[in-house]
PDB file of all heavy atoms in Angstrom:
ATOM      1  N   ASP A   1     -15.300 275.361 210.402  1.00  0.00           N
ATOM      2  CA  ASP A   1     -14.319 274.959 209.388  1.00  0.00           C
ATOM      3  C   ASP A   1     -13.509 273.713 209.737  1.00  0.00           C
ATOM      4  O   ASP A   1     -12.633 273.318 208.976  1.00  0.00           O
ATOM      5  CB  ASP A   1     -13.370 276.120 209.075  1.00  0.00           C
ATOM      6  CG  ASP A   1     -12.566 276.586 210.284  1.00  0.00           C
ATOM      7  OD1 ASP A   1     -12.826 276.115 211.418  1.00  0.00           O
ATOM      8  OD2 ASP A   1     -11.674 277.424 210.099  1.00  0.00           O
ATOM      9  N   ARG A   2     -13.800 273.059 210.841  1.00  0.00           N
ATOM     10  CA  ARG A   2     -13.065 271.845 211.185  1.00  0.00           C
ATOM     11  C   ARG A   2     -13.447 270.704 210.253  1.00  0.00           C
ATOM     12  O   ARG A   2     -14.611 270.552 209.860  1.00  0.00           O
ATOM     13  CB  ARG A   2     -13.344 271.421 212.629  1.00  0.00           C
ATOM     14  CG  ARG A   2     -12.717 272.373 213.624  1.00  0.00           C
ATOM     15  CD  ARG A   2     -11.947 271.622 214.685  1.00  0.00           C
ATOM     16  NE  ARG A   2     -11.073 272.522 215.388  1.00  0.00           N
ATOM     17  CZ  ARG A   2     -11.311 273.036 216.596  1.00  0.00           C
ATOM     18  NH1 ARG A   2     -12.403 272.703 217.246  1.00  0.00           N
ATOM     19  NH2 ARG A   2     -10.441 273.848 217.141  1.00  0.00           N
ATOM     20  N   VAL A   3     -12.474 269.872 209.924  1.00  0.00           N
ATOM     21  CA  VAL A   3     -12.729 268.723 209.056  1.00  0.00           C
ATOM     22  C   VAL A   3     -13.734 267.788 209.708  1.00  0.00           C
ATOM     23  O   VAL A   3     -14.623 267.252 209.034  1.00  0.00           O
ATOM     24  CB  VAL A   3     -11.412 267.987 208.723  1.00  0.00           C
ATOM     25  CG1 VAL A   3     -11.678 266.722 207.939  1.00  0.00           C
ATOM     26  CG2 VAL A   3     -10.473 268.910 207.941  1.00  0.00           C
ATOM     27  N   ARG A   4     -13.643 267.604 211.016  1.00  0.00           N
ATOM     28  CA  ARG A   4     -14.591 266.693 211.675  1.00  0.00           C
ATOM     29  C   ARG A   4     -16.022 267.212 211.564  1.00  0.00           C
ATOM     30  O   ARG A   4     -16.963 266.423 211.471  1.00  0.00           O
ATOM     31  CB  ARG A   4     -14.189 266.414 213.112  1.00  0.00           C
ATOM     32  CG  ARG A   4     -14.438 267.520 214.087  1.00  0.00           C
ATOM     33  CD  ARG A   4     -13.879 267.200 215.445  1.00  0.00           C
ATOM     34  NE  ARG A   4     -12.540 267.711 215.508  1.00  0.00           N
ATOM     35  CZ  ARG A   4     -12.053 268.402 216.532  1.00  0.00           C
ATOM     36  NH1 ARG A   4     -12.769 268.582 217.602  1.00  0.00           N
ATOM     37  NH2 ARG A   4     -10.837 268.872 216.503  1.00  0.00           N
ATOM     38  N   THR A   5     -16.210 268.521 211.555  1.00  0.00           N
ATOM     39  CA  THR A   5     -17.552 269.088 211.382  1.00  0.00           C
ATOM     40  C   THR A   5     -18.086 268.716 210.006  1.00  0.00           C
ATOM     41  O   THR A   5     -19.241 268.298 209.869  1.00  0.00           O
ATOM     42  CB  THR A   5     -17.515 270.617 211.559  1.00  0.00           C
ATOM     43  OG1 THR A   5     -17.017 270.927 212.869  1.00  0.00           O
ATOM     44  CG2 THR A   5     -18.902 271.218 211.400  1.00  0.00           C
ATOM     45  N   LYS A   6     -17.244 268.839 209.003  1.00  0.00           N
ATOM     46  CA  LYS A   6     -17.653 268.474 207.639  1.00  0.00           C
ATOM     47  C   LYS A   6     -18.020 266.988 207.570  1.00  0.00           C
ATOM     48  O   LYS A   6     -19.038 266.616 206.976  1.00  0.00           O
ATOM     49  CB  LYS A   6     -16.511 268.776 206.662  1.00  0.00           C
ATOM     50  CG  LYS A   6     -16.839 268.467 205.235  1.00  0.00           C
ATOM     51  CD  LYS A   6     -15.673 268.811 204.314  1.00  0.00           C
ATOM     52  CE  LYS A   6     -15.993 268.435 202.892  1.00  0.00           C
ATOM     53  NZ  LYS A   6     -14.892 268.693 201.976  1.00  0.00           N
ATOM     54  N   ARG A   7     -17.191 266.130 208.203  1.00  0.00           N
ATOM     55  CA  ARG A   7     -17.501 264.689 208.195  1.00  0.00           C
ATOM     56  C   ARG A   7     -18.821 264.405 208.903  1.00  0.00           C
ATOM     57  O   ARG A   7     -19.624 263.597 208.436  1.00  0.00           O
ATOM     58  CB  ARG A   7     -16.362 263.902 208.838  1.00  0.00           C
ATOM     59  CG  ARG A   7     -15.149 263.757 207.949  1.00  0.00           C
ATOM     60  CD  ARG A   7     -14.189 262.699 208.451  1.00  0.00           C
ATOM     61  NE  ARG A   7     -13.627 262.977 209.750  1.00  0.00           N
ATOM     62  CZ  ARG A   7     -12.488 263.620 209.960  1.00  0.00           C
ATOM     63  NH1 ARG A   7     -11.771 264.057 208.942  1.00  0.00           N
ATOM     64  NH2 ARG A   7     -12.036 263.823 211.178  1.00  0.00           N
ATOM     65  N   LEU A   8     -19.053 265.075 210.038  1.00  0.00           N
ATOM     66  CA  LEU A   8     -20.288 264.843 210.794  1.00  0.00           C
ATOM     67  C   LEU A   8     -21.524 265.343 210.048  1.00  0.00           C
ATOM     68  O   LEU A   8     -22.617 264.805 210.229  1.00  0.00           O
ATOM     69  CB  LEU A   8     -20.203 265.498 212.167  1.00  0.00           C
ATOM     70  CG  LEU A   8     -19.248 264.809 213.148  1.00  0.00           C
ATOM     71  CD1 LEU A   8     -18.999 265.694 214.355  1.00  0.00           C
ATOM     72  CD2 LEU A   8     -19.773 263.451 213.562  1.00  0.00           C
ATOM     73  N   ARG A   9     -21.364 266.333 209.212  1.00  0.00           N
ATOM     74  CA  ARG A   9     -22.503 266.810 208.412  1.00  0.00           C
ATOM     75  C   ARG A   9     -22.930 265.749 207.390  1.00  0.00           C
ATOM     76  O   ARG A   9     -24.108 265.645 207.068  1.00  0.00           O
ATOM     77  CB  ARG A   9     -22.158 268.112 207.702  1.00  0.00           C
ATOM     78  CG  ARG A   9     -22.077 269.306 208.636  1.00  0.00           C
ATOM     79  CD  ARG A   9     -21.980 270.604 207.860  1.00  0.00           C
ATOM     80  NE  ARG A   9     -21.585 271.721 208.682  1.00  0.00           N
ATOM     81  CZ  ARG A   9     -22.336 272.354 209.556  1.00  0.00           C
ATOM     82  NH1 ARG A   9     -23.573 271.951 209.762  1.00  0.00           N
ATOM     83  NH2 ARG A   9     -21.879 273.383 210.240  1.00  0.00           N
ATOM     84  N   SER A  10     -21.964 264.966 206.886  1.00  0.00           N
ATOM     85  CA  SER A  10     -22.321 263.934 205.907  1.00  0.00           C
ATOM     86  C   SER A  10     -22.598 262.583 206.562  1.00  0.00           C
ATOM     87  O   SER A  10     -23.339 261.768 206.009  1.00  0.00           O
ATOM     88  CB  SER A  10     -21.234 263.795 204.840  1.00  0.00           C
ATOM     89  OG  SER A  10     -20.023 263.405 205.422  1.00  0.00           O
ATOM     90  N   ASP A  11     -22.014 262.326 207.723  1.00  0.00           N
ATOM     91  CA  ASP A  11     -22.254 261.077 208.454  1.00  0.00           C
ATOM     92  C   ASP A  11     -22.170 261.393 209.945  1.00  0.00           C
ATOM     93  O   ASP A  11     -21.072 261.534 210.493  1.00  0.00           O
ATOM     94  CB  ASP A  11     -21.209 260.032 208.074  1.00  0.00           C
ATOM     95  CG  ASP A  11     -21.471 258.676 208.718  1.00  0.00           C
ATOM     96  OD1 ASP A  11     -22.271 258.592 209.686  1.00  0.00           O
ATOM     97  OD2 ASP A  11     -20.858 257.690 208.276  1.00  0.00           O
ATOM     98  N   PRO A  12     -23.300 261.533 210.623  1.00  0.00           N
ATOM     99  CA  PRO A  12     -23.300 261.981 212.024  1.00  0.00           C
ATOM    100  C   PRO A  12     -22.893 260.926 213.055  1.00  0.00           C
ATOM    101  O   PRO A  12     -22.914 261.211 214.251  1.00  0.00           O
ATOM    102  CB  PRO A  12     -24.744 262.427 212.239  1.00  0.00           C
ATOM    103  CG  PRO A  12     -25.527 261.562 211.319  1.00  0.00           C
ATOM    104  CD  PRO A  12     -24.650 261.367 210.101  1.00  0.00           C
ATOM    105  N   ARG A  13     -22.479 259.752 212.597  1.00  0.00           N
ATOM    106  CA  ARG A  13     -22.055 258.727 213.561  1.00  0.00           C
ATOM    107  C   ARG A  13     -20.694 259.091 214.143  1.00  0.00           C
ATOM    108  O   ARG A  13     -19.807 259.579 213.442  1.00  0.00           O
ATOM    109  CB  ARG A  13     -21.963 257.360 212.907  1.00  0.00           C
ATOM    110  CG  ARG A  13     -23.302 256.804 212.463  1.00  0.00           C
ATOM    111  CD  ARG A  13     -23.145 255.522 211.714  1.00  0.00           C
ATOM    112  NE  ARG A  13     -22.321 255.742 210.517  1.00  0.00           N
ATOM    113  CZ  ARG A  13     -21.743 254.770 209.818  1.00  0.00           C
ATOM    114  NH1 ARG A  13     -21.881 253.516 210.182  1.00  0.00           N
ATOM    115  NH2 ARG A  13     -21.041 255.060 208.744  1.00  0.00           N
ATOM    116  N   CYS A  14     -20.535 258.813 215.434  1.00  0.00           N
ATOM    117  CA  CYS A  14     -19.293 259.141 216.115  1.00  0.00           C
ATOM    118  C   CYS A  14     -19.142 258.225 217.327  1.00  0.00           C
ATOM    119  O   CYS A  14     -20.116 257.929 218.016  1.00  0.00           O
ATOM    120  CB  CYS A  14     -19.345 260.600 216.566  1.00  0.00           C
ATOM    121  SG  CYS A  14     -18.028 261.097 217.672  1.00  0.00           S
ATOM    122  N   THR A  15     -17.919 257.785 217.565  1.00  0.00           N
ATOM    123  CA  THR A  15     -17.610 257.047 218.782  1.00  0.00           C
ATOM    124  C   THR A  15     -16.664 257.888 219.611  1.00  0.00           C
ATOM    125  O   THR A  15     -15.704 258.461 219.088  1.00  0.00           O
ATOM    126  CB  THR A  15     -16.973 255.676 218.466  1.00  0.00           C
ATOM    127  OG1 THR A  15     -17.914 254.898 217.721  1.00  0.00           O
ATOM    128  CG2 THR A  15     -16.590 254.934 219.740  1.00  0.00           C
ATOM    129  N   LEU A  16     -16.941 257.974 220.904  1.00  0.00           N
ATOM    130  CA  LEU A  16     -16.058 258.669 221.839  1.00  0.00           C
ATOM    131  C   LEU A  16     -15.365 257.631 222.712  1.00  0.00           C
ATOM    132  O   LEU A  16     -16.010 256.686 223.187  1.00  0.00           O
ATOM    133  CB  LEU A  16     -16.853 259.626 222.730  1.00  0.00           C
ATOM    134  CG  LEU A  16     -17.509 260.815 222.054  1.00  0.00           C
ATOM    135  CD1 LEU A  16     -18.433 261.522 223.033  1.00  0.00           C
ATOM    136  CD2 LEU A  16     -16.452 261.776 221.527  1.00  0.00           C
ATOM    137  N   TYR A  17     -14.073 257.837 222.920  1.00  0.00           N
ATOM    138  CA  TYR A  17     -13.295 257.012 223.833  1.00  0.00           C
ATOM    139  C   TYR A  17     -12.815 257.943 224.940  1.00  0.00           C
ATOM    140  O   TYR A  17     -12.053 258.886 224.675  1.00  0.00           O
ATOM    141  CB  TYR A  17     -12.103 256.386 223.099  1.00  0.00           C
ATOM    142  CG  TYR A  17     -11.108 255.728 224.019  1.00  0.00           C
ATOM    143  CD1 TYR A  17     -11.336 254.455 224.521  1.00  0.00           C
ATOM    144  CD2 TYR A  17      -9.935 256.373 224.397  1.00  0.00           C
ATOM    145  CE1 TYR A  17     -10.428 253.844 225.368  1.00  0.00           C
ATOM    146  CE2 TYR A  17      -9.019 255.780 225.240  1.00  0.00           C
ATOM    147  CZ  TYR A  17      -9.266 254.517 225.730  1.00  0.00           C
ATOM    148  OH  TYR A  17      -8.374 253.924 226.575  1.00  0.00           O
ATOM    149  N   VAL A  18     -13.287 257.700 226.162  1.00  0.00           N
ATOM    150  CA  VAL A  18     -12.980 258.564 227.295  1.00  0.00           C
ATOM    151  C   VAL A  18     -12.171 257.758 228.315  1.00  0.00           C
ATOM    152  O   VAL A  18     -12.720 256.865 228.972  1.00  0.00           O
ATOM    153  CB  VAL A  18     -14.262 259.106 227.953  1.00  0.00           C
ATOM    154  CG1 VAL A  18     -13.927 260.066 229.084  1.00  0.00           C
ATOM    155  CG2 VAL A  18     -15.171 259.768 226.922  1.00  0.00           C
ATOM    156  N   PRO A  19     -10.868 258.054 228.459  1.00  0.00           N
ATOM    157  CA  PRO A  19     -10.058 257.338 229.456  1.00  0.00           C
ATOM    158  C   PRO A  19      -9.981 258.123 230.762  1.00  0.00           C
ATOM    159  O   PRO A  19     -10.226 259.325 230.799  1.00  0.00           O
ATOM    160  CB  PRO A  19      -8.678 257.308 228.789  1.00  0.00           C
ATOM    161  CG  PRO A  19      -8.621 258.612 228.055  1.00  0.00           C
ATOM    162  CD  PRO A  19     -10.050 258.873 227.577  1.00  0.00           C
ATOM    163  N   ASP A  20      -9.632 257.423 231.825  1.00  0.00           N
ATOM    164  CA  ASP A  20      -9.278 258.130 233.055  1.00  0.00           C
ATOM    165  C   ASP A  20      -7.760 258.201 233.115  1.00  0.00           C
ATOM    166  O   ASP A  20      -7.081 257.882 232.141  1.00  0.00           O
ATOM    167  CB  ASP A  20      -9.908 257.486 234.293  1.00  0.00           C
ATOM    168  CG  ASP A  20      -9.312 256.142 234.680  1.00  0.00           C
ATOM    169  OD1 ASP A  20      -8.375 255.659 234.013  1.00  0.00           O
ATOM    170  OD2 ASP A  20      -9.799 255.557 235.669  1.00  0.00           O
ATOM    171  N   SER A  21      -7.209 258.583 234.249  1.00  0.00           N
ATOM    172  CA  SER A  21      -5.753 258.713 234.361  1.00  0.00           C
ATOM    173  C   SER A  21      -5.078 257.385 234.698  1.00  0.00           C
ATOM    174  O   SER A  21      -3.860 257.321 234.793  1.00  0.00           O
ATOM    175  CB  SER A  21      -5.391 259.752 235.425  1.00  0.00           C
ATOM    176  OG  SER A  21      -5.899 259.337 236.677  1.00  0.00           O
ATOM    177  N   ARG A  22      -5.846 256.343 234.835  1.00  0.00           N
ATOM    178  CA  ARG A  22      -5.282 255.029 235.137  1.00  0.00           C
ATOM    179  C   ARG A  22      -5.582 254.079 233.993  1.00  0.00           C
ATOM    180  O   ARG A  22      -5.084 254.272 232.900  1.00  0.00           O
ATOM    181  CB  ARG A  22      -5.838 254.516 236.462  1.00  0.00           C
ATOM    182  CG  ARG A  22      -5.420 255.428 237.605  1.00  0.00           C
ATOM    183  CD  ARG A  22      -5.976 254.938 238.917  1.00  0.00           C
ATOM    184  NE  ARG A  22      -5.054 255.349 239.952  1.00  0.00           N
ATOM    185  CZ  ARG A  22      -4.330 254.527 240.660  1.00  0.00           C
ATOM    186  NH1 ARG A  22      -4.452 253.241 240.524  1.00  0.00           N
ATOM    187  NH2 ARG A  22      -3.503 254.979 241.575  1.00  0.00           N
ATOM    188  N   PHE A  23      -6.437 253.089 234.206  1.00  0.00           N
ATOM    189  CA  PHE A  23      -6.727 252.108 233.160  1.00  0.00           C
ATOM    190  C   PHE A  23      -8.198 251.981 232.807  1.00  0.00           C
ATOM    191  O   PHE A  23      -8.548 251.218 231.922  1.00  0.00           O
ATOM    192  CB  PHE A  23      -6.167 250.731 233.562  1.00  0.00           C
ATOM    193  CG  PHE A  23      -4.679 250.738 233.713  1.00  0.00           C
ATOM    194  CD1 PHE A  23      -4.094 250.752 234.958  1.00  0.00           C
ATOM    195  CD2 PHE A  23      -3.866 250.759 232.598  1.00  0.00           C
ATOM    196  CE1 PHE A  23      -2.716 250.774 235.094  1.00  0.00           C
ATOM    197  CE2 PHE A  23      -2.488 250.789 232.712  1.00  0.00           C
ATOM    198  CZ  PHE A  23      -1.915 250.796 233.961  1.00  0.00           C
ATOM    199  N   ALA A  24      -9.062 252.685 233.504  1.00  0.00           N
ATOM    200  CA  ALA A  24     -10.491 252.619 233.194  1.00  0.00           C
ATOM    201  C   ALA A  24     -10.785 253.485 231.968  1.00  0.00           C
ATOM    202  O   ALA A  24     -10.083 254.454 231.690  1.00  0.00           O
ATOM    203  CB  ALA A  24     -11.317 253.086 234.390  1.00  0.00           C
ATOM    204  N   TRP A  25     -11.817 253.116 231.243  1.00  0.00           N
ATOM    205  CA  TRP A  25     -12.212 253.875 230.055  1.00  0.00           C
ATOM    206  C   TRP A  25     -13.668 253.604 229.760  1.00  0.00           C
ATOM    207  O   TRP A  25     -14.240 252.621 230.220  1.00  0.00           O
ATOM    208  CB  TRP A  25     -11.344 253.533 228.844  1.00  0.00           C
ATOM    209  CG  TRP A  25     -11.316 252.055 228.526  1.00  0.00           C
ATOM    210  CD1 TRP A  25     -10.488 251.125 229.082  1.00  0.00           C
ATOM    211  CD2 TRP A  25     -12.167 251.345 227.624  1.00  0.00           C
ATOM    212  NE1 TRP A  25     -10.777 249.875 228.569  1.00  0.00           N
ATOM    213  CE2 TRP A  25     -11.796 249.979 227.665  1.00  0.00           C
ATOM    214  CE3 TRP A  25     -13.198 251.729 226.774  1.00  0.00           C
ATOM    215  CZ2 TRP A  25     -12.432 249.013 226.891  1.00  0.00           C
ATOM    216  CZ3 TRP A  25     -13.824 250.766 226.003  1.00  0.00           C
ATOM    217  CH2 TRP A  25     -13.427 249.420 226.064  1.00  0.00           C
ATOM    218  N   LEU A  26     -14.254 254.506 228.985  1.00  0.00           N
ATOM    219  CA  LEU A  26     -15.646 254.374 228.577  1.00  0.00           C
ATOM    220  C   LEU A  26     -15.726 254.709 227.099  1.00  0.00           C
ATOM    221  O   LEU A  26     -15.184 255.727 226.658  1.00  0.00           O
ATOM    222  CB  LEU A  26     -16.529 255.335 229.382  1.00  0.00           C
ATOM    223  CG  LEU A  26     -18.022 255.356 229.054  1.00  0.00           C
ATOM    224  CD1 LEU A  26     -18.668 254.000 229.342  1.00  0.00           C
ATOM    225  CD2 LEU A  26     -18.715 256.457 229.848  1.00  0.00           C
ATOM    226  N   ALA A  27     -16.367 253.850 226.323  1.00  0.00           N
ATOM    227  CA  ALA A  27     -16.634 254.116 224.904  1.00  0.00           C
ATOM    228  C   ALA A  27     -18.127 254.391 224.755  1.00  0.00           C
ATOM    229  O   ALA A  27     -18.953 253.727 225.385  1.00  0.00           O
ATOM    230  CB  ALA A  27     -16.229 252.934 224.039  1.00  0.00           C
ATOM    231  N   LEU A  28     -18.439 255.384 223.928  1.00  0.00           N
ATOM    232  CA  LEU A  28     -19.831 255.763 223.690  1.00  0.00           C
ATOM    233  C   LEU A  28     -20.068 255.829 222.188  1.00  0.00           C
ATOM    234  O   LEU A  28     -19.410 256.609 221.488  1.00  0.00           O
ATOM    235  CB  LEU A  28     -20.135 257.137 224.306  1.00  0.00           C
ATOM    236  CG  LEU A  28     -19.836 257.263 225.802  1.00  0.00           C
ATOM    237  CD1 LEU A  28     -18.568 258.068 226.005  1.00  0.00           C
ATOM    238  CD2 LEU A  28     -20.983 257.914 226.514  1.00  0.00           C
ATOM    239  N   GLU A  29     -20.968 255.003 221.703  1.00  0.00           N
ATOM    240  CA  GLU A  29     -21.360 255.053 220.303  1.00  0.00           C
ATOM    241  C   GLU A  29     -22.515 256.051 220.208  1.00  0.00           C
ATOM    242  O   GLU A  29     -23.513 255.914 220.926  1.00  0.00           O
ATOM    243  CB  GLU A  29     -21.769 253.680 219.813  1.00  0.00           C
ATOM    244  CG  GLU A  29     -20.607 252.705 219.808  1.00  0.00           C
ATOM    245  CD  GLU A  29     -20.999 251.288 219.431  1.00  0.00           C
ATOM    246  OE1 GLU A  29     -22.192 251.030 219.145  1.00  0.00           O
ATOM    247  OE2 GLU A  29     -20.101 250.422 219.428  1.00  0.00           O
ATOM    248  N   THR A  30     -22.369 257.057 219.336  1.00  0.00           N
ATOM    249  CA  THR A  30     -23.305 258.164 219.329  1.00  0.00           C
ATOM    250  C   THR A  30     -23.705 258.586 217.921  1.00  0.00           C
ATOM    251  O   THR A  30     -23.074 258.198 216.939  1.00  0.00           O
ATOM    252  CB  THR A  30     -22.690 259.413 220.009  1.00  0.00           C
ATOM    253  OG1 THR A  30     -21.722 260.006 219.135  1.00  0.00           O
ATOM    254  CG2 THR A  30     -22.044 259.081 221.341  1.00  0.00           C
ATOM    255  N   THR A  31     -24.721 259.413 217.886  1.00  0.00           N
ATOM    256  CA  THR A  31     -25.076 260.195 216.712  1.00  0.00           C
ATOM    257  C   THR A  31     -24.969 261.654 217.141  1.00  0.00           C
ATOM    258  O   THR A  31     -25.447 262.018 218.224  1.00  0.00           O
ATOM    259  CB  THR A  31     -26.508 259.892 216.234  1.00  0.00           C
ATOM    260  OG1 THR A  31     -26.608 258.508 215.911  1.00  0.00           O
ATOM    261  CG2 THR A  31     -26.865 260.729 215.016  1.00  0.00           C
ATOM    262  N   VAL A  32     -24.341 262.476 216.308  1.00  0.00           N
ATOM    263  CA  VAL A  32     -24.092 263.869 216.664  1.00  0.00           C
ATOM    264  C   VAL A  32     -25.075 264.793 215.963  1.00  0.00           C
ATOM    265  O   VAL A  32     -25.299 264.687 214.759  1.00  0.00           O
ATOM    266  CB  VAL A  32     -22.645 264.273 216.290  1.00  0.00           C
ATOM    267  CG1 VAL A  32     -22.411 265.755 216.543  1.00  0.00           C
ATOM    268  CG2 VAL A  32     -21.644 263.430 217.053  1.00  0.00           C
ATOM    269  N   THR A  33     -25.640 265.695 216.744  1.00  0.00           N
ATOM    270  CA  THR A  33     -26.401 266.818 216.207  1.00  0.00           C
ATOM    271  C   THR A  33     -25.540 268.053 216.392  1.00  0.00           C
ATOM    272  O   THR A  33     -24.994 268.281 217.478  1.00  0.00           O
ATOM    273  CB  THR A  33     -27.742 266.994 216.960  1.00  0.00           C
ATOM    274  OG1 THR A  33     -28.514 265.804 216.800  1.00  0.00           O
ATOM    275  CG2 THR A  33     -28.516 268.190 216.435  1.00  0.00           C
ATOM    276  N   ILE A  34     -25.390 268.833 215.343  1.00  0.00           N
ATOM    277  CA  ILE A  34     -24.591 270.057 215.415  1.00  0.00           C
ATOM    278  C   ILE A  34     -25.513 271.206 215.796  1.00  0.00           C
ATOM    279  O   ILE A  34     -26.494 271.485 215.104  1.00  0.00           O
ATOM    280  CB  ILE A  34     -23.876 270.320 214.079  1.00  0.00           C
ATOM    281  CG1 ILE A  34     -22.878 269.190 213.802  1.00  0.00           C
ATOM    282  CG2 ILE A  34     -23.181 271.683 214.104  1.00  0.00           C
ATOM    283  CD1 ILE A  34     -22.204 269.254 212.450  1.00  0.00           C
ATOM    284  N   LEU A  35     -25.198 271.844 216.928  1.00  0.00           N
ATOM    285  CA  LEU A  35     -25.962 272.999 217.396  1.00  0.00           C
ATOM    286  C   LEU A  35     -25.200 274.247 216.982  1.00  0.00           C
ATOM    287  O   LEU A  35     -24.059 274.454 217.401  1.00  0.00           O
ATOM    288  CB  LEU A  35     -26.126 272.955 218.918  1.00  0.00           C
ATOM    289  CG  LEU A  35     -26.696 271.661 219.512  1.00  0.00           C
ATOM    290  CD1 LEU A  35     -26.764 271.761 221.028  1.00  0.00           C
ATOM    291  CD2 LEU A  35     -28.053 271.324 218.911  1.00  0.00           C
ATOM    292  N   GLU A  36     -25.812 275.052 216.139  1.00  0.00           N
ATOM    293  CA  GLU A  36     -25.138 276.242 215.628  1.00  0.00           C
ATOM    294  C   GLU A  36     -26.145 277.370 215.505  1.00  0.00           C
ATOM    295  O   GLU A  36     -27.308 277.194 215.824  1.00  0.00           O
ATOM    296  CB  GLU A  36     -24.482 275.935 214.282  1.00  0.00           C
ATOM    297  CG  GLU A  36     -25.419 275.346 213.252  1.00  0.00           C
ATOM    298  CD  GLU A  36     -24.693 274.730 212.067  1.00  0.00           C
ATOM    299  OE1 GLU A  36     -23.597 275.184 211.727  1.00  0.00           O
ATOM    300  OE2 GLU A  36     -25.248 273.791 211.478  1.00  0.00           O
ATOM    301  N   GLY A  37     -25.689 278.513 215.043  1.00  0.00           N
ATOM    302  CA  GLY A  37     -26.578 279.651 214.892  1.00  0.00           C
ATOM    303  C   GLY A  37     -26.435 280.613 216.041  1.00  0.00           C
ATOM    304  O   GLY A  37     -25.442 280.591 216.779  1.00  0.00           O
ATOM    305  N   PRO A  38     -27.435 281.467 216.245  1.00  0.00           N
ATOM    306  CA  PRO A  38     -27.311 282.540 217.233  1.00  0.00           C
ATOM    307  C   PRO A  38     -27.170 282.059 218.680  1.00  0.00           C
ATOM    308  O   PRO A  38     -26.646 282.790 219.519  1.00  0.00           O
ATOM    309  CB  PRO A  38     -28.586 283.369 217.047  1.00  0.00           C
ATOM    310  CG  PRO A  38     -29.522 282.524 216.265  1.00  0.00           C
ATOM    311  CD  PRO A  38     -28.699 281.527 215.504  1.00  0.00           C
ATOM    312  N   ASP A  39     -27.620 280.842 218.995  1.00  0.00           N
ATOM    313  CA  ASP A  39     -27.503 280.322 220.367  1.00  0.00           C
ATOM    314  C   ASP A  39     -26.136 279.698 220.654  1.00  0.00           C
ATOM    315  O   ASP A  39     -25.809 279.444 221.810  1.00  0.00           O
ATOM    316  CB  ASP A  39     -28.585 279.265 220.631  1.00  0.00           C
ATOM    317  CG  ASP A  39     -29.985 279.848 220.613  1.00  0.00           C
ATOM    318  OD1 ASP A  39     -30.135 281.070 220.830  1.00  0.00           O
ATOM    319  OD2 ASP A  39     -30.931 279.084 220.355  1.00  0.00           O
ATOM    320  N   ALA A  40     -25.344 279.427 219.621  1.00  0.00           N
ATOM    321  CA  ALA A  40     -24.079 278.706 219.798  1.00  0.00           C
ATOM    322  C   ALA A  40     -23.094 279.399 220.737  1.00  0.00           C
ATOM    323  O   ALA A  40     -22.474 278.727 221.564  1.00  0.00           O
ATOM    324  CB  ALA A  40     -23.435 278.414 218.448  1.00  0.00           C
ATOM    325  N   PRO A  41     -22.903 280.729 220.670  1.00  0.00           N
ATOM    326  CA  PRO A  41     -21.964 281.347 221.618  1.00  0.00           C
ATOM    327  C   PRO A  41     -22.369 281.121 223.078  1.00  0.00           C
ATOM    328  O   PRO A  41     -21.531 280.756 223.914  1.00  0.00           O
ATOM    329  CB  PRO A  41     -21.991 282.828 221.234  1.00  0.00           C
ATOM    330  CG  PRO A  41     -22.351 282.828 219.783  1.00  0.00           C
ATOM    331  CD  PRO A  41     -23.341 281.692 219.646  1.00  0.00           C
ATOM    332  N   ALA A  42     -23.650 281.288 223.387  1.00  0.00           N
ATOM    333  CA  ALA A  42     -24.126 281.079 224.761  1.00  0.00           C
ATOM    334  C   ALA A  42     -24.020 279.607 225.156  1.00  0.00           C
ATOM    335  O   ALA A  42     -23.712 279.285 226.310  1.00  0.00           O
ATOM    336  CB  ALA A  42     -25.564 281.574 224.907  1.00  0.00           C
ATOM    337  N   GLN A  43     -24.262 278.694 224.217  1.00  0.00           N
ATOM    338  CA  GLN A  43     -24.116 277.268 224.510  1.00  0.00           C
ATOM    339  C   GLN A  43     -22.654 276.942 224.805  1.00  0.00           C
ATOM    340  O   GLN A  43     -22.361 276.157 225.713  1.00  0.00           O
ATOM    341  CB  GLN A  43     -24.654 276.439 223.345  1.00  0.00           C
ATOM    342  CG  GLN A  43     -26.160 276.529 223.219  1.00  0.00           C
ATOM    343  CD  GLN A  43     -26.678 275.998 221.908  1.00  0.00           C
ATOM    344  OE1 GLN A  43     -26.049 276.143 220.864  1.00  0.00           O
ATOM    345  NE2 GLN A  43     -27.853 275.383 221.941  1.00  0.00           N
ATOM    346  N   ASN A  44     -21.729 277.532 224.055  1.00  0.00           N
ATOM    347  CA  ASN A  44     -20.306 277.329 224.331  1.00  0.00           C
ATOM    348  C   ASN A  44     -19.930 277.906 225.689  1.00  0.00           C
ATOM    349  O   ASN A  44     -19.138 277.310 226.412  1.00  0.00           O
ATOM    350  CB  ASN A  44     -19.448 277.951 223.222  1.00  0.00           C
ATOM    351  CG  ASN A  44     -19.209 276.990 222.093  1.00  0.00           C
ATOM    352  OD1 ASN A  44     -18.348 276.133 222.167  1.00  0.00           O
ATOM    353  ND2 ASN A  44     -20.006 277.120 221.032  1.00  0.00           N
TER     354      ASN A  44
END
């Protein structure tokens, strides 16, 4: 039920911005696949 899940279902593009505790950071341009169903609890 998250809004981001709904957005990713219609447009799977996503950018992640990952900072460290100082000034370094990493950006990742991605496409998201949603893994759901009976395997999702074990994957979590």
